[in-house]
Amino acid sequence: VFIHALELLWMDIEGGEHTVPHVIALWAALVSVLVNSYMYFYSKCVFQQANSPMVKSLAMHHHADIVSSLAVAIGLSAALFLNLAWIDTMVALFETIHLMYLGGKVFADAYRGLMDASAPEEVYGKITEHTMAVAGVNTIDSLRSRLVGQDLNIDMSIGVDPDITINEANKICETVVQVLSKKIAHIGFVNVKFGIVDGEATEVKNLHNQIKSQLKNKTDDSLEDLL
């Protein structure tokens, strides 16, 4: 189509006769705009609910049809009513370039989905914001995500206080999972592990200090009592 449009444009430049389409083509383009507009918003709504890559591609297809039909309507109007037949050819060139761009974008999105790409940066920001809002979470040590089809899988490690018990740390992890499952759309699963932040528990610090002081005094009896 691109090569054919170039040939027609060259024919117009050389003064060749370019036949303008019938006015019924203009009405067909306008009907196409209306129908594809409805289909675009409908499929976009379905995509937002289901997060299906296939439905997203369908919505983009309908959007491309809207742009194409509008461009055709404008080109036909100029050709029919302004006697500018060459605009019809320019619209054809524009449409072929637009479709090649759209095809490349759809291909890139599909490739990222097959390769289990990470979530977008804005999603990472939301995950970080909601996680740090949970009481007991001091740091996020690692955060990874994968887009698998329509689901988002999250694997993260958080830092908690060294003074709390393992059960309390596990409850914090469970709270993070619940919060992310509610706040982030289309969650597949969330795996949250915990570790202590830099430092030691107070009891461990006191024990280390006692051992150091006993070693300085070099009293075996005091060391045995401490152990």
C-alpha atoms as a PDB file:
ATOM      1  CA  VAL A   1       0.000   0.000   0.000  1.00  0.00           C
ATOM      2  CA  PHE A   2       2.872   2.350   0.817  1.00  0.00           C
ATOM      3  CA  ILE A   3       4.542   1.715  -2.564  1.00  0.00           C
ATOM      4  CA  HIS A   4       1.231   2.092  -4.406  1.00  0.00           C
ATOM      5  CA  ALA A   5       0.588   5.424  -2.651  1.00  0.00           C
ATOM      6  CA  LEU A   6       4.068   6.636  -3.641  1.00  0.00           C
ATOM      7  CA  GLU A   7       3.376   5.707  -7.269  1.00  0.00           C
ATOM      8  CA  LEU A   8       0.092   7.648  -7.215  1.00  0.00           C
ATOM      9  CA  LEU A   9       1.785  10.643  -5.601  1.00  0.00           C
ATOM     10  CA  TRP A  10       4.496  10.622  -8.269  1.00  0.00           C
ATOM     11  CA  MET A  11       1.767  10.426 -10.908  1.00  0.00           C
ATOM     12  CA  ASP A  12       0.111  13.518  -9.403  1.00  0.00           C
ATOM     13  CA  ILE A  13       3.430  15.386  -9.422  1.00  0.00           C
ATOM     14  CA  GLU A  14       3.926  14.585 -13.115  1.00  0.00           C
ATOM     15  CA  GLY A  15       0.454  15.859 -13.886  1.00  0.00           C
ATOM     16  CA  GLY A  16      -1.288  12.517 -14.244  1.00  0.00           C
ATOM     17  CA  GLU A  17      -5.009  12.207 -13.714  1.00  0.00           C
ATOM     18  CA  HIS A  18      -6.047  10.997 -10.264  1.00  0.00           C
ATOM     19  CA  THR A  19      -9.626   9.776  -9.990  1.00  0.00           C
ATOM     20  CA  VAL A  20     -11.377  10.955  -6.847  1.00  0.00           C
ATOM     21  CA  PRO A  21     -13.430   8.242  -5.035  1.00  0.00           C
ATOM     22  CA  HIS A  22     -17.216   8.449  -4.977  1.00  0.00           C
ATOM     23  CA  VAL A  23     -18.909  10.395  -2.183  1.00  0.00           C
ATOM     24  CA  ILE A  24     -20.229   7.103  -0.715  1.00  0.00           C
ATOM     25  CA  ALA A  25     -16.674   6.403   0.474  1.00  0.00           C
ATOM     26  CA  LEU A  26     -16.922   9.492   2.691  1.00  0.00           C
ATOM     27  CA  TRP A  27     -20.107   8.193   4.346  1.00  0.00           C
ATOM     28  CA  ALA A  28     -18.477   4.794   4.835  1.00  0.00           C
ATOM     29  CA  ALA A  29     -15.536   6.472   6.581  1.00  0.00           C
ATOM     30  CA  LEU A  30     -17.836   8.425   8.906  1.00  0.00           C
ATOM     31  CA  VAL A  31     -19.821   5.288   9.810  1.00  0.00           C
ATOM     32  CA  SER A  32     -16.518   3.528  10.484  1.00  0.00           C
ATOM     33  CA  VAL A  33     -15.497   6.307  12.883  1.00  0.00           C
ATOM     34  CA  LEU A  34     -18.700   5.905  14.905  1.00  0.00           C
ATOM     35  CA  VAL A  35     -18.624   2.100  15.037  1.00  0.00           C
ATOM     36  CA  ASN A  36     -14.936   1.860  15.906  1.00  0.00           C
ATOM     37  CA  SER A  37     -15.279   4.564  18.557  1.00  0.00           C
ATOM     38  CA  TYR A  38     -17.886   2.447  20.342  1.00  0.00           C
ATOM     39  CA  MET A  39     -15.786  -0.711  19.956  1.00  0.00           C
ATOM     40  CA  TYR A  40     -12.665   1.068  21.200  1.00  0.00           C
ATOM     41  CA  PHE A  41     -14.191   2.350  24.432  1.00  0.00           C
ATOM     42  CA  TYR A  42     -15.927  -0.977  25.031  1.00  0.00           C
ATOM     43  CA  SER A  43     -12.780  -3.068  24.519  1.00  0.00           C
ATOM     44  CA  LYS A  44     -10.722  -0.569  26.553  1.00  0.00           C
ATOM     45  CA  CYS A  45     -13.153  -1.008  29.449  1.00  0.00           C
ATOM     46  CA  VAL A  46     -12.868  -4.798  29.181  1.00  0.00           C
ATOM     47  CA  PHE A  47      -9.068  -4.525  29.137  1.00  0.00           C
ATOM     48  CA  GLN A  48      -9.024  -2.400  32.291  1.00  0.00           C
ATOM     49  CA  GLN A  49     -11.164  -4.992  34.078  1.00  0.00           C
ATOM     50  CA  ALA A  50      -9.443  -8.145  32.813  1.00  0.00           C
ATOM     51  CA  ASN A  51      -5.929  -6.795  32.083  1.00  0.00           C
ATOM     52  CA  SER A  52      -5.763  -9.105  29.068  1.00  0.00           C
ATOM     53  CA  PRO A  53      -2.939  -8.349  26.590  1.00  0.00           C
ATOM     54  CA  MET A  54      -5.090  -9.741  23.786  1.00  0.00           C
ATOM     55  CA  VAL A  55      -7.959  -7.350  24.562  1.00  0.00           C
ATOM     56  CA  LYS A  56      -5.451  -4.490  24.831  1.00  0.00           C
ATOM     57  CA  SER A  57      -4.251  -5.265  21.303  1.00  0.00           C
ATOM     58  CA  LEU A  58      -7.874  -5.330  20.148  1.00  0.00           C
ATOM     59  CA  ALA A  59      -8.501  -1.908  21.706  1.00  0.00           C
ATOM     60  CA  MET A  60      -5.401  -0.513  19.994  1.00  0.00           C
ATOM     61  CA  HIS A  61      -6.650  -1.981  16.713  1.00  0.00           C
ATOM     62  CA  HIS A  62      -9.974  -0.161  17.062  1.00  0.00           C
ATOM     63  CA  HIS A  63      -8.150   3.045  17.969  1.00  0.00           C
ATOM     64  CA  ALA A  64      -6.055   2.723  14.811  1.00  0.00           C
ATOM     65  CA  ASP A  65      -9.257   2.254  12.810  1.00  0.00           C
ATOM     66  CA  ILE A  66     -10.657   5.475  14.294  1.00  0.00           C
ATOM     67  CA  VAL A  67      -7.558   7.421  13.272  1.00  0.00           C
ATOM     68  CA  SER A  68      -7.587   5.800   9.842  1.00  0.00           C
ATOM     69  CA  SER A  69     -11.245   6.517   9.224  1.00  0.00           C
ATOM     70  CA  LEU A  70     -10.902  10.137  10.363  1.00  0.00           C
ATOM     71  CA  ALA A  71      -7.915  10.627   8.099  1.00  0.00           C
ATOM     72  CA  VAL A  72      -9.804   9.075   5.190  1.00  0.00           C
ATOM     73  CA  ALA A  73     -12.832  11.284   5.849  1.00  0.00           C
ATOM     74  CA  ILE A  74     -10.647  14.403   5.887  1.00  0.00           C
ATOM     75  CA  GLY A  75      -8.813  13.348   2.738  1.00  0.00           C
ATOM     76  CA  LEU A  76     -12.012  12.527   0.863  1.00  0.00           C
ATOM     77  CA  SER A  77     -13.630  15.793   1.944  1.00  0.00           C
ATOM     78  CA  ALA A  78     -10.666  17.772   0.629  1.00  0.00           C
ATOM     79  CA  ALA A  79     -10.612  15.750  -2.596  1.00  0.00           C
ATOM     80  CA  LEU A  80     -14.356  16.008  -3.227  1.00  0.00           C
ATOM     81  CA  PHE A  81     -15.160  19.532  -2.097  1.00  0.00           C
ATOM     82  CA  LEU A  82     -11.840  21.375  -2.498  1.00  0.00           C
ATOM     83  CA  ASN A  83     -10.749  19.553  -5.649  1.00  0.00           C
ATOM     84  CA  LEU A  84      -7.444  18.535  -4.037  1.00  0.00           C
ATOM     85  CA  ALA A  85      -7.105  14.990  -5.302  1.00  0.00           C
ATOM     86  CA  TRP A  86      -3.492  14.613  -4.117  1.00  0.00           C
ATOM     87  CA  ILE A  87      -4.592  14.777  -0.434  1.00  0.00           C
ATOM     88  CA  ASP A  88      -6.186  11.348  -0.910  1.00  0.00           C
ATOM     89  CA  THR A  89      -2.743   9.950  -1.715  1.00  0.00           C
ATOM     90  CA  MET A  90      -1.085  11.761   1.204  1.00  0.00           C
ATOM     91  CA  VAL A  91      -3.638  10.247   3.576  1.00  0.00           C
ATOM     92  CA  ALA A  92      -2.794   6.789   2.226  1.00  0.00           C
ATOM     93  CA  LEU A  93       0.910   7.408   2.921  1.00  0.00           C
ATOM     94  CA  PHE A  94       0.114   8.639   6.424  1.00  0.00           C
ATOM     95  CA  GLU A  95      -2.002   5.561   7.121  1.00  0.00           C
ATOM     96  CA  THR A  96       0.654   3.080   6.040  1.00  0.00           C
ATOM     97  CA  ILE A  97       3.235   4.762   8.296  1.00  0.00           C
ATOM     98  CA  HIS A  98       0.765   4.843  11.187  1.00  0.00           C
ATOM     99  CA  LEU A  99      -0.043   1.142  10.796  1.00  0.00           C
ATOM    100  CA  MET A 100       3.644   0.208  10.700  1.00  0.00           C
ATOM    101  CA  TYR A 101       4.196   2.169  13.923  1.00  0.00           C
ATOM    102  CA  LEU A 102       1.178   0.537  15.574  1.00  0.00           C
ATOM    103  CA  GLY A 103       2.295  -2.926  14.479  1.00  0.00           C
ATOM    104  CA  GLY A 104       5.726  -2.346  15.982  1.00  0.00           C
ATOM    105  CA  LYS A 105       4.212  -1.176  19.279  1.00  0.00           C
ATOM    106  CA  VAL A 106       1.876  -4.174  19.534  1.00  0.00           C
ATOM    107  CA  PHE A 107       4.775  -6.509  18.722  1.00  0.00           C
ATOM    108  CA  ALA A 108       6.981  -4.892  21.383  1.00  0.00           C
ATOM    109  CA  ASP A 109       4.258  -5.214  24.044  1.00  0.00           C
ATOM    110  CA  ALA A 110       3.652  -8.855  23.137  1.00  0.00           C
ATOM    111  CA  TYR A 111       7.390  -9.587  23.237  1.00  0.00           C
ATOM    112  CA  ARG A 112       7.713  -8.029  26.693  1.00  0.00           C
ATOM    113  CA  GLY A 113       4.825 -10.186  27.890  1.00  0.00           C
ATOM    114  CA  LEU A 114       6.435 -13.374  26.576  1.00  0.00           C
ATOM    115  CA  MET A 115       9.755 -12.466  28.189  1.00  0.00           C
ATOM    116  CA  ASP A 116       8.153 -11.913  31.636  1.00  0.00           C
ATOM    117  CA  ALA A 117       9.020  -8.221  31.730  1.00  0.00           C
ATOM    118  CA  SER A 118       8.997  -6.208  34.942  1.00  0.00           C
ATOM    119  CA  ALA A 119       6.183  -3.894  35.960  1.00  0.00           C
ATOM    120  CA  PRO A 120       6.325  -0.231  34.865  1.00  0.00           C
ATOM    121  CA  GLU A 121       8.119   2.295  37.062  1.00  0.00           C
ATOM    122  CA  GLU A 122       4.866   3.861  38.273  1.00  0.00           C
ATOM    123  CA  VAL A 123       3.715   0.462  39.559  1.00  0.00           C
ATOM    124  CA  TYR A 124       7.019   0.058  41.428  1.00  0.00           C
ATOM    125  CA  GLY A 125       6.377   3.429  43.029  1.00  0.00           C
ATOM    126  CA  LYS A 126       2.919   2.381  44.213  1.00  0.00           C
ATOM    127  CA  ILE A 127       4.251  -0.912  45.590  1.00  0.00           C
ATOM    128  CA  THR A 128       6.944   0.922  47.525  1.00  0.00           C
ATOM    129  CA  GLU A 129       4.504   3.530  48.837  1.00  0.00           C
ATOM    130  CA  HIS A 130       1.937   1.015  50.112  1.00  0.00           C
ATOM    131  CA  THR A 131       4.585  -1.291  51.583  1.00  0.00           C
ATOM    132  CA  MET A 132       6.333   1.455  53.546  1.00  0.00           C
ATOM    133  CA  ALA A 133       2.939   2.551  54.909  1.00  0.00           C
ATOM    134  CA  VAL A 134       2.585  -0.774  56.777  1.00  0.00           C
ATOM    135  CA  ALA A 135       3.516  -0.501  60.449  1.00  0.00           C
ATOM    136  CA  GLY A 136       6.715  -2.369  61.245  1.00  0.00           C
ATOM    137  CA  VAL A 137       8.288  -2.105  57.775  1.00  0.00           C
ATOM    138  CA  ASN A 138      11.531  -0.158  58.049  1.00  0.00           C
ATOM    139  CA  THR A 139      13.130  -0.801  54.660  1.00  0.00           C
ATOM    140  CA  ILE A 140      12.578  -2.588  51.362  1.00  0.00           C
ATOM    141  CA  ASP A 141      15.750  -4.578  50.773  1.00  0.00           C
ATOM    142  CA  SER A 142      14.774  -6.063  47.395  1.00  0.00           C
ATOM    143  CA  LEU A 143      11.806  -5.797  45.058  1.00  0.00           C
ATOM    144  CA  ARG A 144      11.237  -7.771  41.872  1.00  0.00           C
ATOM    145  CA  SER A 145       8.170  -8.223  39.715  1.00  0.00           C
ATOM    146  CA  ARG A 146       7.121 -10.163  36.631  1.00  0.00           C
ATOM    147  CA  LEU A 147       4.245  -9.639  34.221  1.00  0.00           C
ATOM    148  CA  VAL A 148       2.893 -13.094  33.425  1.00  0.00           C
ATOM    149  CA  GLY A 149      -0.038 -12.767  31.042  1.00  0.00           C
ATOM    150  CA  GLN A 150      -2.627 -10.635  32.790  1.00  0.00           C
ATOM    151  CA  ASP A 151      -1.169 -11.106  36.284  1.00  0.00           C
ATOM    152  CA  LEU A 152       1.579  -9.288  38.181  1.00  0.00           C
ATOM    153  CA  ASN A 153       3.779 -11.416  40.443  1.00  0.00           C
ATOM    154  CA  ILE A 154       5.789  -9.680  43.186  1.00  0.00           C
ATOM    155  CA  ASP A 155       8.767 -10.980  45.156  1.00  0.00           C
ATOM    156  CA  MET A 156      10.156  -8.703  47.843  1.00  0.00           C
ATOM    157  CA  SER A 157      12.210  -8.616  51.033  1.00  0.00           C
ATOM    158  CA  ILE A 158      11.551  -6.126  53.823  1.00  0.00           C
ATOM    159  CA  GLY A 159      13.607  -5.038  56.821  1.00  0.00           C
ATOM    160  CA  VAL A 160      12.060  -5.182  60.303  1.00  0.00           C
ATOM    161  CA  ASP A 161      13.246  -4.306  63.798  1.00  0.00           C
ATOM    162  CA  PRO A 162      15.666  -6.839  65.289  1.00  0.00           C
ATOM    163  CA  ASP A 163      13.852  -6.734  68.649  1.00  0.00           C
ATOM    164  CA  ILE A 164      10.571  -8.270  67.449  1.00  0.00           C
ATOM    165  CA  THR A 165       9.766 -11.977  67.439  1.00  0.00           C
ATOM    166  CA  ILE A 166       9.546 -14.174  64.336  1.00  0.00           C
ATOM    167  CA  ASN A 167       5.764 -14.392  64.711  1.00  0.00           C
ATOM    168  CA  GLU A 168       5.483 -10.612  64.754  1.00  0.00           C
ATOM    169  CA  ALA A 169       7.692 -10.369  61.660  1.00  0.00           C
ATOM    170  CA  ASN A 170       5.538 -12.953  59.874  1.00  0.00           C
ATOM    171  CA  LYS A 171       2.408 -10.950  60.724  1.00  0.00           C
ATOM    172  CA  ILE A 172       3.994  -7.852  59.179  1.00  0.00           C
ATOM    173  CA  CYS A 173       4.703  -9.828  55.999  1.00  0.00           C
ATOM    174  CA  GLU A 174       1.110 -11.064  55.898  1.00  0.00           C
ATOM    175  CA  THR A 175      -0.136  -7.494  56.294  1.00  0.00           C
ATOM    176  CA  VAL A 176       2.037  -6.366  53.376  1.00  0.00           C
ATOM    177  CA  VAL A 177       0.572  -9.140  51.213  1.00  0.00           C
ATOM    178  CA  GLN A 178      -2.986  -8.129  52.123  1.00  0.00           C
ATOM    179  CA  VAL A 179      -2.369  -4.432  51.483  1.00  0.00           C
ATOM    180  CA  LEU A 180      -0.725  -4.983  48.095  1.00  0.00           C
ATOM    181  CA  SER A 181      -3.450  -7.412  47.031  1.00  0.00           C
ATOM    182  CA  LYS A 182      -6.037  -4.690  47.686  1.00  0.00           C
ATOM    183  CA  LYS A 183      -4.144  -1.639  46.423  1.00  0.00           C
ATOM    184  CA  ILE A 184      -2.396  -3.031  43.296  1.00  0.00           C
ATOM    185  CA  ALA A 185      -4.599  -4.219  40.442  1.00  0.00           C
ATOM    186  CA  HIS A 186      -4.319  -7.676  38.868  1.00  0.00           C
ATOM    187  CA  ILE A 187      -2.005  -9.217  41.459  1.00  0.00           C
ATOM    188  CA  GLY A 188      -1.139 -12.850  40.767  1.00  0.00           C
ATOM    189  CA  PHE A 189       0.787 -13.619  43.947  1.00  0.00           C
ATOM    190  CA  VAL A 190       2.945 -11.723  46.440  1.00  0.00           C
ATOM    191  CA  ASN A 191       5.912 -13.328  48.175  1.00  0.00           C
ATOM    192  CA  VAL A 192       7.251 -11.267  51.098  1.00  0.00           C
ATOM    193  CA  LYS A 193      10.295 -12.265  53.153  1.00  0.00           C
ATOM    194  CA  PHE A 194      11.780 -10.418  56.101  1.00  0.00           C
ATOM    195  CA  GLY A 195      15.220  -9.685  57.466  1.00  0.00           C
ATOM    196  CA  ILE A 196      16.472  -7.431  60.213  1.00  0.00           C
ATOM    197  CA  VAL A 197      17.671  -3.937  59.491  1.00  0.00           C
ATOM    198  CA  ASP A 198      21.289  -3.014  60.136  1.00  0.00           C
ATOM    199  CA  GLY A 199      22.008  -3.534  63.813  1.00  0.00           C
ATOM    200  CA  GLU A 200      21.402  -6.100  66.532  1.00  0.00           C
ATOM    201  CA  ALA A 201      18.774  -6.798  69.126  1.00  0.00           C
ATOM    202  CA  THR A 202      19.286  -5.095  72.486  1.00  0.00           C
ATOM    203  CA  GLU A 203      19.796  -8.421  74.281  1.00  0.00           C
ATOM    204  CA  VAL A 204      22.462  -9.457  71.758  1.00  0.00           C
ATOM    205  CA  LYS A 205      24.250  -6.143  72.104  1.00  0.00           C
ATOM    206  CA  ASN A 206      24.265  -6.436  75.903  1.00  0.00           C
ATOM    207  CA  LEU A 207      25.596  -9.978  75.671  1.00  0.00           C
ATOM    208  CA  HIS A 208      28.395  -8.922  73.341  1.00  0.00           C
ATOM    209  CA  ASN A 209      29.343  -6.072  75.654  1.00  0.00           C
ATOM    210  CA  GLN A 210      29.452  -8.408  78.650  1.00  0.00           C
ATOM    211  CA  ILE A 211      31.642 -10.895  76.787  1.00  0.00           C
ATOM    212  CA  LYS A 212      34.021  -8.129  75.723  1.00  0.00           C
ATOM    213  CA  SER A 213      34.315  -6.838  79.295  1.00  0.00           C
ATOM    214  CA  GLN A 214      34.896 -10.340  80.684  1.00  0.00           C
ATOM    215  CA  LEU A 215      37.564 -11.004  78.062  1.00  0.00           C
ATOM    216  CA  LYS A 216      39.335  -7.839  79.111  1.00  0.00           C
ATOM    217  CA  ASN A 217      39.260  -8.965  82.732  1.00  0.00           C
ATOM    218  CA  LYS A 218      40.300 -12.501  81.696  1.00  0.00           C
ATOM    219  CA  THR A 219      38.338 -14.148  84.479  1.00  0.00           C
ATOM    220  CA  ASP A 220      37.441 -17.684  83.499  1.00  0.00           C
ATOM    221  CA  ASP A 221      34.886 -18.023  86.289  1.00  0.00           C
ATOM    222  CA  SER A 222      32.906 -15.006  85.128  1.00  0.00           C
ATOM    223  CA  LEU A 223      32.969 -16.296  81.554  1.00  0.00           C
ATOM    224  CA  GLU A 224      31.599 -19.663  82.634  1.00  0.00           C
ATOM    225  CA  ASP A 225      28.786 -17.944  84.573  1.00  0.00           C
ATOM    226  CA  LEU A 226      27.950 -15.810  81.559  1.00  0.00           C
ATOM    227  CA  LEU A 227      27.833 -18.820  79.189  1.00  0.00           C
END
